[in-house]
């Protein structure tokens, strides 16, 4: 997987436009910070699912948890200094921004039309699938574990979308637990 990624970086015009300099080694200095975020958002998904009611995932709890986690984990210097081993490169910062934009574009494409019918299952499964797929470009920021994270999350969300008999709560709990597990593994990395 690393060789494939390095080959893409070496020839990619997109990577060059995003600030990658040919031959620049990627250092994944914020894996533990990413792990902390995954633990947090995994827990938020589990709690907001348990209290989801008709919404399936409670949007108020999820929204407050998401914004609060972003503010604390990425906005407080004491937290970032403790869990980061250094700044990301310009290319990595741009790839992170691209990954987040991709997530919102995919959410709109996958689940956007479901907002008109308030089909919360499809809305949330679309959000989970878009989130799973956005981890692929995040591999340039946090390393190959992001590819490995994207695979089970994508499969889980697709099962939920393609097999309506599978209870949504099961899909959401699996999603939250996968994120928690990967988060713990990343936080423990040195």
N, C-alpha and C. Protein backbone atom coordinates (compact mmCIF):
# COMPACT_ATOMS: atom_id res chain seq x y z
N UNK A 1 0.83 -1.20 0.00
CA UNK A 1 0.00 0.00 0.00
C UNK A 1 0.87 1.25 0.00
N UNK A 2 1.97 1.26 0.78
CA UNK A 2 2.85 2.42 0.81
C UNK A 2 3.47 2.70 -0.55
N UNK A 3 3.91 1.65 -1.24
CA UNK A 3 4.52 1.83 -2.56
C UNK A 3 3.53 2.42 -3.54
N UNK A 4 2.30 1.92 -3.53
CA UNK A 4 1.27 2.45 -4.41
C UNK A 4 1.05 3.94 -4.11
N UNK A 5 0.97 4.29 -2.86
CA UNK A 5 0.76 5.68 -2.44
C UNK A 5 1.94 6.54 -2.89
N UNK A 6 3.16 6.07 -2.68
CA UNK A 6 4.35 6.83 -3.06
C UNK A 6 4.42 7.01 -4.58
N UNK A 7 4.04 5.97 -5.33
CA UNK A 7 4.03 6.09 -6.79
C UNK A 7 3.01 7.13 -7.24
N UNK A 8 1.84 7.16 -6.60
CA UNK A 8 0.83 8.15 -6.96
C UNK A 8 1.35 9.55 -6.67
N UNK A 9 1.95 9.72 -5.51
CA UNK A 9 2.47 11.03 -5.15
C UNK A 9 3.53 11.51 -6.13
N UNK A 10 4.37 10.60 -6.60
CA UNK A 10 5.47 10.96 -7.48
C UNK A 10 4.98 11.49 -8.84
N UNK A 11 3.85 11.02 -9.31
CA UNK A 11 3.39 11.40 -10.66
C UNK A 11 2.13 12.26 -10.65
N UNK A 12 1.53 12.47 -9.52
CA UNK A 12 0.24 13.14 -9.46
C UNK A 12 0.36 14.65 -9.59
N UNK A 13 -0.36 15.19 -10.54
CA UNK A 13 -0.44 16.64 -10.67
C UNK A 13 -1.27 17.22 -9.53
N UNK A 14 -2.30 16.47 -9.10
CA UNK A 14 -3.12 16.93 -7.98
C UNK A 14 -2.27 17.08 -6.72
N UNK A 15 -1.43 16.08 -6.44
CA UNK A 15 -0.55 16.15 -5.26
C UNK A 15 0.37 17.37 -5.35
N UNK A 16 0.90 17.63 -6.54
CA UNK A 16 1.77 18.80 -6.73
C UNK A 16 1.00 20.09 -6.49
N UNK A 17 -0.23 20.16 -6.98
CA UNK A 17 -1.05 21.37 -6.78
C UNK A 17 -1.40 21.57 -5.31
N UNK A 18 -1.48 20.46 -4.58
CA UNK A 18 -1.80 20.54 -3.15
C UNK A 18 -0.56 20.80 -2.29
N UNK A 19 0.60 20.94 -2.93
CA UNK A 19 1.80 21.31 -2.20
C UNK A 19 2.80 20.20 -1.99
N UNK A 20 2.59 19.05 -2.60
CA UNK A 20 3.55 17.96 -2.43
C UNK A 20 4.78 18.23 -3.29
N UNK A 21 5.96 18.10 -2.68
CA UNK A 21 7.21 18.24 -3.41
C UNK A 21 7.77 16.85 -3.66
N UNK A 22 8.07 16.57 -4.91
CA UNK A 22 8.55 15.24 -5.31
C UNK A 22 9.70 14.79 -4.40
N UNK A 23 9.57 13.56 -3.92
CA UNK A 23 10.58 12.97 -3.05
C UNK A 23 10.43 13.32 -1.57
N UNK A 24 9.49 14.18 -1.27
CA UNK A 24 9.27 14.58 0.13
C UNK A 24 8.71 13.39 0.91
N UNK A 25 9.41 12.95 1.97
CA UNK A 25 8.86 11.85 2.76
C UNK A 25 7.70 12.35 3.62
N UNK A 26 6.64 11.59 3.65
CA UNK A 26 5.50 11.95 4.48
C UNK A 26 5.75 11.46 5.91
N UNK A 27 5.58 12.36 6.84
CA UNK A 27 5.68 12.01 8.25
C UNK A 27 4.29 12.15 8.84
N UNK A 28 3.88 11.17 9.59
CA UNK A 28 2.53 11.14 10.15
C UNK A 28 2.61 11.50 11.63
N UNK A 29 2.78 12.78 11.88
CA UNK A 29 3.08 13.27 13.22
C UNK A 29 1.84 13.50 14.08
N UNK A 30 0.67 13.36 13.50
CA UNK A 30 -0.56 13.64 14.25
C UNK A 30 -1.46 12.41 14.36
N UNK A 31 -0.88 11.22 14.26
CA UNK A 31 -1.69 10.01 14.38
C UNK A 31 -2.36 9.90 15.74
N UNK A 32 -1.65 10.27 16.80
CA UNK A 32 -2.24 10.16 18.13
C UNK A 32 -3.37 11.17 18.31
N UNK A 33 -3.24 12.35 17.72
CA UNK A 33 -4.30 13.35 17.77
C UNK A 33 -5.52 12.85 17.00
N UNK A 34 -5.28 12.24 15.84
CA UNK A 34 -6.36 11.63 15.06
C UNK A 34 -7.02 10.52 15.88
N UNK A 35 -6.21 9.72 16.57
CA UNK A 35 -6.74 8.65 17.41
C UNK A 35 -7.64 9.19 18.51
N UNK A 36 -7.23 10.28 19.12
CA UNK A 36 -8.06 10.91 20.16
C UNK A 36 -9.40 11.34 19.57
N UNK A 37 -9.37 11.93 18.37
CA UNK A 37 -10.61 12.34 17.70
C UNK A 37 -11.49 11.12 17.41
N UNK A 38 -10.90 10.04 16.93
CA UNK A 38 -11.69 8.83 16.62
C UNK A 38 -12.34 8.26 17.88
N UNK A 39 -11.61 8.27 19.00
CA UNK A 39 -12.20 7.81 20.26
C UNK A 39 -13.39 8.70 20.62
N UNK A 40 -13.18 10.00 20.53
CA UNK A 40 -14.24 10.95 20.88
C UNK A 40 -15.46 10.77 19.98
N UNK A 41 -15.27 10.78 18.67
CA UNK A 41 -16.42 10.73 17.76
C UNK A 41 -17.08 9.35 17.80
N UNK A 42 -16.31 8.30 18.04
CA UNK A 42 -16.90 6.98 18.21
C UNK A 42 -17.84 6.95 19.42
N UNK A 43 -17.38 7.56 20.53
CA UNK A 43 -18.22 7.63 21.73
C UNK A 43 -19.45 8.50 21.49
N UNK A 44 -19.28 9.61 20.77
CA UNK A 44 -20.41 10.48 20.46
C UNK A 44 -21.45 9.73 19.62
N UNK A 45 -20.99 8.95 18.66
CA UNK A 45 -21.91 8.17 17.82
C UNK A 45 -22.67 7.16 18.69
N UNK A 46 -21.98 6.49 19.59
CA UNK A 46 -22.65 5.50 20.45
C UNK A 46 -23.69 6.15 21.35
N UNK A 47 -23.35 7.27 21.98
CA UNK A 47 -24.29 7.95 22.88
C UNK A 47 -25.46 8.52 22.09
N UNK A 48 -25.17 9.19 20.98
CA UNK A 48 -26.26 9.81 20.21
C UNK A 48 -27.14 8.76 19.54
N UNK A 49 -26.62 7.56 19.30
CA UNK A 49 -27.45 6.47 18.79
C UNK A 49 -28.34 5.92 19.90
N UNK A 50 -27.76 5.74 21.07
CA UNK A 50 -28.54 5.22 22.21
C UNK A 50 -29.70 6.15 22.54
N UNK A 51 -29.53 7.46 22.29
CA UNK A 51 -30.57 8.44 22.60
C UNK A 51 -31.20 9.00 21.32
N UNK A 52 -31.10 8.25 20.23
CA UNK A 52 -31.53 8.75 18.93
C UNK A 52 -33.02 8.85 18.72
N UNK A 53 -33.76 7.93 19.28
CA UNK A 53 -35.21 7.94 19.09
C UNK A 53 -35.59 7.90 17.62
N UNK A 54 -36.56 8.68 17.22
CA UNK A 54 -37.04 8.68 15.83
C UNK A 54 -35.99 9.17 14.85
N UNK A 55 -35.01 9.93 15.35
CA UNK A 55 -33.95 10.45 14.47
C UNK A 55 -32.87 9.40 14.20
N UNK A 56 -32.87 8.31 14.94
CA UNK A 56 -31.89 7.22 14.90
C UNK A 56 -30.57 7.63 15.54
N UNK A 57 -29.99 8.72 15.12
CA UNK A 57 -28.86 9.34 15.82
C UNK A 57 -29.35 10.72 16.21
N UNK A 58 -29.30 11.01 17.49
CA UNK A 58 -29.82 12.29 17.96
C UNK A 58 -28.94 13.42 17.40
N UNK A 59 -29.51 14.26 16.52
CA UNK A 59 -28.69 15.28 15.86
C UNK A 59 -28.18 16.36 16.81
N UNK A 60 -28.90 16.62 17.89
CA UNK A 60 -28.46 17.64 18.84
C UNK A 60 -27.24 17.14 19.60
N UNK A 61 -27.33 15.93 20.12
CA UNK A 61 -26.20 15.34 20.84
C UNK A 61 -25.01 15.17 19.90
N UNK A 62 -25.27 14.66 18.69
CA UNK A 62 -24.19 14.47 17.73
C UNK A 62 -23.54 15.80 17.36
N UNK A 63 -24.36 16.80 17.05
CA UNK A 63 -23.83 18.11 16.65
C UNK A 63 -23.01 18.76 17.76
N UNK A 64 -23.55 18.76 18.97
CA UNK A 64 -22.82 19.34 20.10
C UNK A 64 -21.53 18.56 20.38
N UNK A 65 -21.63 17.24 20.28
CA UNK A 65 -20.44 16.40 20.50
C UNK A 65 -19.38 16.65 19.44
N UNK A 66 -19.81 16.76 18.20
CA UNK A 66 -18.88 16.99 17.09
C UNK A 66 -18.18 18.34 17.26
N UNK A 67 -18.96 19.39 17.44
CA UNK A 67 -18.39 20.74 17.56
C UNK A 67 -17.54 20.85 18.83
N UNK A 68 -18.05 20.32 19.93
CA UNK A 68 -17.29 20.36 21.17
C UNK A 68 -15.98 19.62 21.08
N UNK A 69 -16.01 18.46 20.45
CA UNK A 69 -14.79 17.68 20.27
C UNK A 69 -13.78 18.40 19.40
N UNK A 70 -14.26 19.02 18.32
CA UNK A 70 -13.36 19.78 17.46
C UNK A 70 -12.71 20.92 18.25
N UNK A 71 -13.51 21.62 19.04
CA UNK A 71 -13.00 22.76 19.81
C UNK A 71 -11.94 22.32 20.82
N UNK A 72 -12.22 21.23 21.53
CA UNK A 72 -11.29 20.78 22.57
C UNK A 72 -10.06 20.09 21.97
N UNK A 73 -10.29 19.15 21.07
CA UNK A 73 -9.19 18.33 20.56
C UNK A 73 -8.28 19.12 19.62
N UNK A 74 -8.87 19.87 18.71
CA UNK A 74 -8.05 20.58 17.73
C UNK A 74 -7.86 22.06 18.05
N UNK A 75 -8.62 22.58 19.00
CA UNK A 75 -8.55 24.01 19.30
C UNK A 75 -7.81 24.37 20.57
N UNK A 76 -7.48 23.39 21.39
CA UNK A 76 -6.78 23.68 22.64
C UNK A 76 -5.31 23.29 22.50
N UNK A 77 -4.41 24.26 22.57
CA UNK A 77 -2.99 23.96 22.40
C UNK A 77 -2.46 22.89 23.35
N UNK A 78 -2.95 22.83 24.59
CA UNK A 78 -2.46 21.83 25.54
C UNK A 78 -2.76 20.41 25.03
N UNK A 79 -3.92 20.23 24.41
CA UNK A 79 -4.29 18.90 23.89
C UNK A 79 -3.46 18.57 22.65
N UNK A 80 -3.37 19.53 21.73
CA UNK A 80 -2.62 19.25 20.50
C UNK A 80 -1.14 19.02 20.80
N UNK A 81 -0.57 19.76 21.75
CA UNK A 81 0.84 19.56 22.08
C UNK A 81 1.07 18.18 22.70
N UNK A 82 0.13 17.74 23.50
CA UNK A 82 0.30 16.43 24.16
C UNK A 82 0.18 15.27 23.18
N UNK A 83 -0.70 15.40 22.18
CA UNK A 83 -0.97 14.27 21.29
C UNK A 83 -0.37 14.42 19.89
N UNK A 84 0.35 15.49 19.64
CA UNK A 84 0.97 15.69 18.34
C UNK A 84 2.48 15.64 18.48
N UNK A 85 3.15 15.09 17.46
CA UNK A 85 4.61 15.03 17.47
C UNK A 85 5.21 16.09 16.56
N UNK A 86 4.38 17.00 16.06
CA UNK A 86 4.89 18.07 15.21
C UNK A 86 3.85 18.49 14.20
N UNK A 87 4.13 19.56 13.48
CA UNK A 87 3.15 20.06 12.51
C UNK A 87 3.10 19.20 11.25
N UNK A 88 1.94 19.22 10.61
CA UNK A 88 1.82 18.54 9.33
C UNK A 88 2.39 19.43 8.25
N UNK A 89 2.73 18.84 7.12
CA UNK A 89 3.25 19.61 6.00
C UNK A 89 2.12 20.39 5.33
N UNK A 90 2.50 21.32 4.48
CA UNK A 90 1.49 22.08 3.73
C UNK A 90 0.62 21.13 2.89
N UNK A 91 1.27 20.16 2.27
CA UNK A 91 0.53 19.17 1.48
C UNK A 91 -0.47 18.42 2.35
N UNK A 92 -0.05 17.99 3.53
CA UNK A 92 -0.95 17.25 4.41
C UNK A 92 -2.11 18.12 4.88
N UNK A 93 -1.85 19.37 5.18
CA UNK A 93 -2.93 20.27 5.58
C UNK A 93 -3.94 20.43 4.44
N UNK A 94 -3.44 20.56 3.22
CA UNK A 94 -4.33 20.68 2.07
C UNK A 94 -5.09 19.39 1.80
N UNK A 95 -4.44 18.24 1.99
CA UNK A 95 -5.14 16.95 1.82
C UNK A 95 -6.22 16.78 2.88
N UNK A 96 -5.94 17.24 4.10
CA UNK A 96 -6.95 17.17 5.15
C UNK A 96 -8.17 18.01 4.80
N UNK A 97 -7.93 19.20 4.29
CA UNK A 97 -9.04 20.06 3.86
C UNK A 97 -9.81 19.41 2.71
N UNK A 98 -9.09 18.86 1.75
CA UNK A 98 -9.72 18.17 0.62
C UNK A 98 -10.58 17.00 1.11
N UNK A 99 -10.07 16.23 2.07
CA UNK A 99 -10.82 15.08 2.60
C UNK A 99 -12.12 15.53 3.27
N UNK A 100 -12.07 16.63 3.99
CA UNK A 100 -13.28 17.11 4.67
C UNK A 100 -14.29 17.64 3.66
N UNK A 101 -13.82 18.37 2.66
CA UNK A 101 -14.72 18.84 1.60
C UNK A 101 -15.33 17.65 0.88
N UNK A 102 -14.51 16.64 0.57
CA UNK A 102 -15.02 15.43 -0.08
C UNK A 102 -16.11 14.78 0.75
N UNK A 103 -15.94 14.73 2.06
CA UNK A 103 -16.94 14.12 2.93
C UNK A 103 -18.29 14.82 2.78
N UNK A 104 -18.29 16.15 2.81
CA UNK A 104 -19.55 16.88 2.70
C UNK A 104 -20.17 16.76 1.31
N UNK A 105 -19.34 16.74 0.27
CA UNK A 105 -19.86 16.55 -1.09
C UNK A 105 -20.49 15.16 -1.21
N UNK A 106 -19.81 14.15 -0.69
CA UNK A 106 -20.36 12.79 -0.74
C UNK A 106 -21.64 12.67 0.07
N UNK A 107 -21.69 13.33 1.22
CA UNK A 107 -22.93 13.30 2.01
C UNK A 107 -24.09 13.86 1.20
N UNK A 108 -23.85 14.97 0.54
CA UNK A 108 -24.91 15.57 -0.27
C UNK A 108 -25.32 14.66 -1.41
N UNK A 109 -24.36 14.03 -2.06
CA UNK A 109 -24.67 13.15 -3.19
C UNK A 109 -25.37 11.86 -2.76
N UNK A 110 -24.93 11.29 -1.65
CA UNK A 110 -25.47 10.00 -1.22
C UNK A 110 -26.80 10.16 -0.49
N UNK A 111 -26.88 11.15 0.39
CA UNK A 111 -28.06 11.25 1.25
C UNK A 111 -28.86 12.52 1.05
N UNK A 112 -28.41 13.41 0.21
CA UNK A 112 -29.06 14.71 0.06
C UNK A 112 -30.53 14.65 -0.24
N UNK A 113 -30.92 13.82 -1.18
CA UNK A 113 -32.34 13.79 -1.55
C UNK A 113 -33.22 13.17 -0.47
N UNK A 114 -32.61 12.45 0.47
CA UNK A 114 -33.39 11.84 1.56
C UNK A 114 -33.86 12.86 2.58
N UNK A 115 -33.28 14.05 2.57
CA UNK A 115 -33.74 15.09 3.49
C UNK A 115 -35.16 15.52 3.17
N UNK A 116 -35.54 15.47 1.89
CA UNK A 116 -36.90 15.88 1.49
C UNK A 116 -37.95 14.95 2.09
N UNK A 117 -37.62 13.66 2.24
CA UNK A 117 -38.57 12.69 2.77
C UNK A 117 -38.33 12.38 4.25
N UNK A 118 -37.30 13.01 4.82
CA UNK A 118 -36.90 12.76 6.21
C UNK A 118 -36.66 11.27 6.47
N UNK A 119 -36.02 10.63 5.51
CA UNK A 119 -35.63 9.22 5.65
C UNK A 119 -34.32 9.19 6.45
N UNK A 120 -34.46 9.20 7.78
CA UNK A 120 -33.29 9.32 8.64
C UNK A 120 -32.31 8.17 8.49
N UNK A 121 -32.81 6.98 8.20
CA UNK A 121 -31.90 5.85 8.00
C UNK A 121 -30.94 6.13 6.85
N UNK A 122 -31.48 6.55 5.71
CA UNK A 122 -30.63 6.82 4.55
C UNK A 122 -29.74 8.04 4.78
N UNK A 123 -30.27 9.04 5.46
CA UNK A 123 -29.47 10.23 5.75
C UNK A 123 -28.24 9.85 6.58
N UNK A 124 -28.46 9.11 7.67
CA UNK A 124 -27.34 8.76 8.54
C UNK A 124 -26.42 7.74 7.89
N UNK A 125 -26.97 6.78 7.16
CA UNK A 125 -26.10 5.81 6.48
C UNK A 125 -25.26 6.49 5.40
N UNK A 126 -25.85 7.47 4.72
CA UNK A 126 -25.09 8.24 3.75
C UNK A 126 -23.97 9.02 4.42
N UNK A 127 -24.26 9.58 5.58
CA UNK A 127 -23.23 10.29 6.33
C UNK A 127 -22.12 9.34 6.78
N UNK A 128 -22.50 8.16 7.24
CA UNK A 128 -21.49 7.18 7.67
C UNK A 128 -20.64 6.71 6.50
N UNK A 129 -21.27 6.49 5.34
CA UNK A 129 -20.52 6.05 4.15
C UNK A 129 -19.59 7.16 3.68
N UNK A 130 -20.08 8.39 3.61
CA UNK A 130 -19.24 9.51 3.19
C UNK A 130 -18.05 9.68 4.13
N UNK A 131 -18.31 9.53 5.41
CA UNK A 131 -17.23 9.64 6.40
C UNK A 131 -16.21 8.52 6.19
N UNK A 132 -16.69 7.31 5.96
CA UNK A 132 -15.78 6.18 5.72
C UNK A 132 -14.88 6.46 4.53
N UNK A 133 -15.45 6.94 3.45
CA UNK A 133 -14.68 7.19 2.23
C UNK A 133 -13.71 8.35 2.38
N UNK A 134 -14.03 9.31 3.23
CA UNK A 134 -13.12 10.45 3.39
C UNK A 134 -11.84 10.08 4.12
N UNK A 135 -11.81 8.90 4.73
CA UNK A 135 -10.57 8.46 5.37
C UNK A 135 -9.52 8.05 4.35
N UNK A 136 -9.91 7.76 3.12
CA UNK A 136 -8.93 7.36 2.11
C UNK A 136 -7.94 8.50 1.83
N UNK A 137 -8.40 9.72 1.48
CA UNK A 137 -7.41 10.78 1.30
C UNK A 137 -6.73 11.19 2.61
N UNK A 138 -7.35 10.90 3.74
CA UNK A 138 -6.71 11.21 5.02
C UNK A 138 -5.49 10.32 5.26
N UNK A 139 -5.30 9.29 4.45
CA UNK A 139 -4.10 8.46 4.58
C UNK A 139 -2.84 9.28 4.31
N UNK A 140 -2.95 10.32 3.50
CA UNK A 140 -1.79 11.19 3.26
C UNK A 140 -1.45 12.03 4.49
N UNK A 141 -2.41 12.19 5.38
CA UNK A 141 -2.22 13.01 6.57
C UNK A 141 -1.83 12.14 7.77
N UNK A 142 -2.52 11.00 7.94
CA UNK A 142 -2.33 10.18 9.13
C UNK A 142 -1.78 8.78 8.85
N UNK A 143 -1.47 8.50 7.60
CA UNK A 143 -0.82 7.25 7.27
C UNK A 143 -1.74 6.11 6.87
N UNK A 144 -1.14 4.97 6.53
CA UNK A 144 -1.88 3.80 6.05
C UNK A 144 -3.00 3.29 6.95
N UNK A 145 -2.96 3.52 8.28
CA UNK A 145 -4.10 3.06 9.08
C UNK A 145 -5.44 3.64 8.60
N UNK A 146 -5.41 4.78 7.94
CA UNK A 146 -6.65 5.38 7.44
C UNK A 146 -7.27 4.53 6.34
N UNK A 147 -6.43 3.90 5.49
CA UNK A 147 -6.97 2.96 4.49
C UNK A 147 -7.65 1.80 5.19
N UNK A 148 -6.97 1.26 6.21
CA UNK A 148 -7.52 0.11 6.93
C UNK A 148 -8.79 0.48 7.70
N UNK A 149 -8.90 1.71 8.13
CA UNK A 149 -10.12 2.17 8.80
C UNK A 149 -11.26 2.33 7.80
N UNK A 150 -10.95 2.83 6.62
CA UNK A 150 -11.99 3.07 5.61
C UNK A 150 -12.68 1.78 5.17
N UNK A 151 -11.97 0.68 5.12
CA UNK A 151 -12.54 -0.57 4.60
C UNK A 151 -13.70 -1.09 5.45
N UNK A 152 -13.51 -1.36 6.75
CA UNK A 152 -14.65 -1.88 7.52
C UNK A 152 -15.79 -0.87 7.67
N UNK A 153 -15.44 0.41 7.75
CA UNK A 153 -16.50 1.42 7.85
C UNK A 153 -17.34 1.48 6.57
N UNK A 154 -16.69 1.39 5.44
CA UNK A 154 -17.40 1.40 4.15
C UNK A 154 -18.30 0.17 4.02
N UNK A 155 -17.76 -0.99 4.34
CA UNK A 155 -18.55 -2.22 4.26
C UNK A 155 -19.76 -2.14 5.18
N UNK A 156 -19.54 -1.67 6.40
CA UNK A 156 -20.62 -1.56 7.37
C UNK A 156 -21.74 -0.65 6.86
N UNK A 157 -21.37 0.52 6.35
CA UNK A 157 -22.39 1.46 5.85
C UNK A 157 -23.10 0.91 4.63
N UNK A 158 -22.36 0.24 3.75
CA UNK A 158 -22.99 -0.35 2.56
C UNK A 158 -23.98 -1.45 2.94
N UNK A 159 -23.62 -2.25 3.93
CA UNK A 159 -24.56 -3.28 4.41
C UNK A 159 -25.85 -2.61 4.87
N UNK A 160 -25.73 -1.54 5.62
CA UNK A 160 -26.91 -0.82 6.08
C UNK A 160 -27.75 -0.26 4.95
N UNK A 161 -27.09 0.25 3.90
CA UNK A 161 -27.83 0.81 2.76
C UNK A 161 -28.45 -0.27 1.89
N UNK A 162 -27.75 -1.39 1.72
CA UNK A 162 -28.20 -2.42 0.78
C UNK A 162 -29.08 -3.49 1.41
N UNK A 163 -29.03 -3.62 2.73
CA UNK A 163 -29.82 -4.65 3.43
C UNK A 163 -30.68 -3.95 4.48
N UNK A 164 -31.85 -3.46 4.08
CA UNK A 164 -32.71 -2.71 5.02
C UNK A 164 -33.14 -3.51 6.25
N UNK A 165 -33.07 -4.83 6.19
CA UNK A 165 -33.48 -5.64 7.34
C UNK A 165 -32.49 -5.54 8.50
N UNK A 166 -31.26 -5.10 8.22
CA UNK A 166 -30.28 -4.95 9.31
C UNK A 166 -30.66 -3.71 10.11
N UNK A 167 -30.84 -3.85 11.40
CA UNK A 167 -31.25 -2.69 12.22
C UNK A 167 -30.20 -1.58 12.18
N UNK A 168 -30.69 -0.37 12.04
CA UNK A 168 -29.78 0.77 11.97
C UNK A 168 -28.91 0.85 13.22
N UNK A 169 -29.51 0.59 14.38
CA UNK A 169 -28.75 0.70 15.61
C UNK A 169 -27.51 -0.20 15.58
N UNK A 170 -27.64 -1.39 15.01
CA UNK A 170 -26.50 -2.29 14.90
C UNK A 170 -25.40 -1.68 14.03
N UNK A 171 -25.80 -1.11 12.90
CA UNK A 171 -24.83 -0.49 11.99
C UNK A 171 -24.12 0.67 12.70
N UNK A 172 -24.87 1.52 13.39
CA UNK A 172 -24.29 2.68 14.07
C UNK A 172 -23.37 2.26 15.21
N UNK A 173 -23.76 1.23 15.97
CA UNK A 173 -22.92 0.75 17.06
C UNK A 173 -21.62 0.17 16.51
N UNK A 174 -21.71 -0.60 15.44
CA UNK A 174 -20.50 -1.15 14.82
C UNK A 174 -19.59 -0.01 14.35
N UNK A 175 -20.18 1.00 13.71
CA UNK A 175 -19.40 2.15 13.25
C UNK A 175 -18.68 2.81 14.42
N UNK A 176 -19.41 3.08 15.48
CA UNK A 176 -18.81 3.72 16.65
C UNK A 176 -17.70 2.88 17.27
N UNK A 177 -17.92 1.57 17.36
CA UNK A 177 -16.91 0.69 17.95
C UNK A 177 -15.66 0.58 17.08
N UNK A 178 -15.83 0.55 15.76
CA UNK A 178 -14.67 0.52 14.86
C UNK A 178 -13.85 1.78 15.06
N UNK A 179 -14.49 2.93 15.11
CA UNK A 179 -13.77 4.19 15.30
C UNK A 179 -13.07 4.20 16.67
N UNK A 180 -13.76 3.74 17.69
CA UNK A 180 -13.13 3.66 19.02
C UNK A 180 -11.89 2.77 19.00
N UNK A 181 -12.01 1.59 18.38
CA UNK A 181 -10.90 0.65 18.33
C UNK A 181 -9.69 1.22 17.59
N UNK A 182 -9.94 1.80 16.42
CA UNK A 182 -8.83 2.40 15.67
C UNK A 182 -8.26 3.59 16.44
N UNK A 183 -9.12 4.35 17.10
CA UNK A 183 -8.65 5.48 17.88
C UNK A 183 -7.71 5.07 18.99
N UNK A 184 -8.08 4.03 19.73
CA UNK A 184 -7.23 3.54 20.81
C UNK A 184 -5.89 3.08 20.24
N UNK A 185 -5.93 2.35 19.12
CA UNK A 185 -4.68 1.87 18.51
C UNK A 185 -3.79 3.04 18.11
N UNK A 186 -4.37 4.10 17.55
CA UNK A 186 -3.56 5.25 17.13
C UNK A 186 -3.01 6.04 18.31
N UNK A 187 -3.81 6.21 19.36
CA UNK A 187 -3.34 6.94 20.53
C UNK A 187 -2.15 6.22 21.17
N UNK A 188 -2.14 4.91 21.09
CA UNK A 188 -1.08 4.12 21.72
C UNK A 188 0.20 4.07 20.90
N UNK A 189 0.16 4.57 19.65
CA UNK A 189 1.36 4.56 18.80
C UNK A 189 2.38 5.55 19.32
N UNK A 190 3.61 5.23 19.09
CA UNK A 190 4.72 6.13 19.46
C UNK A 190 5.42 6.59 18.22
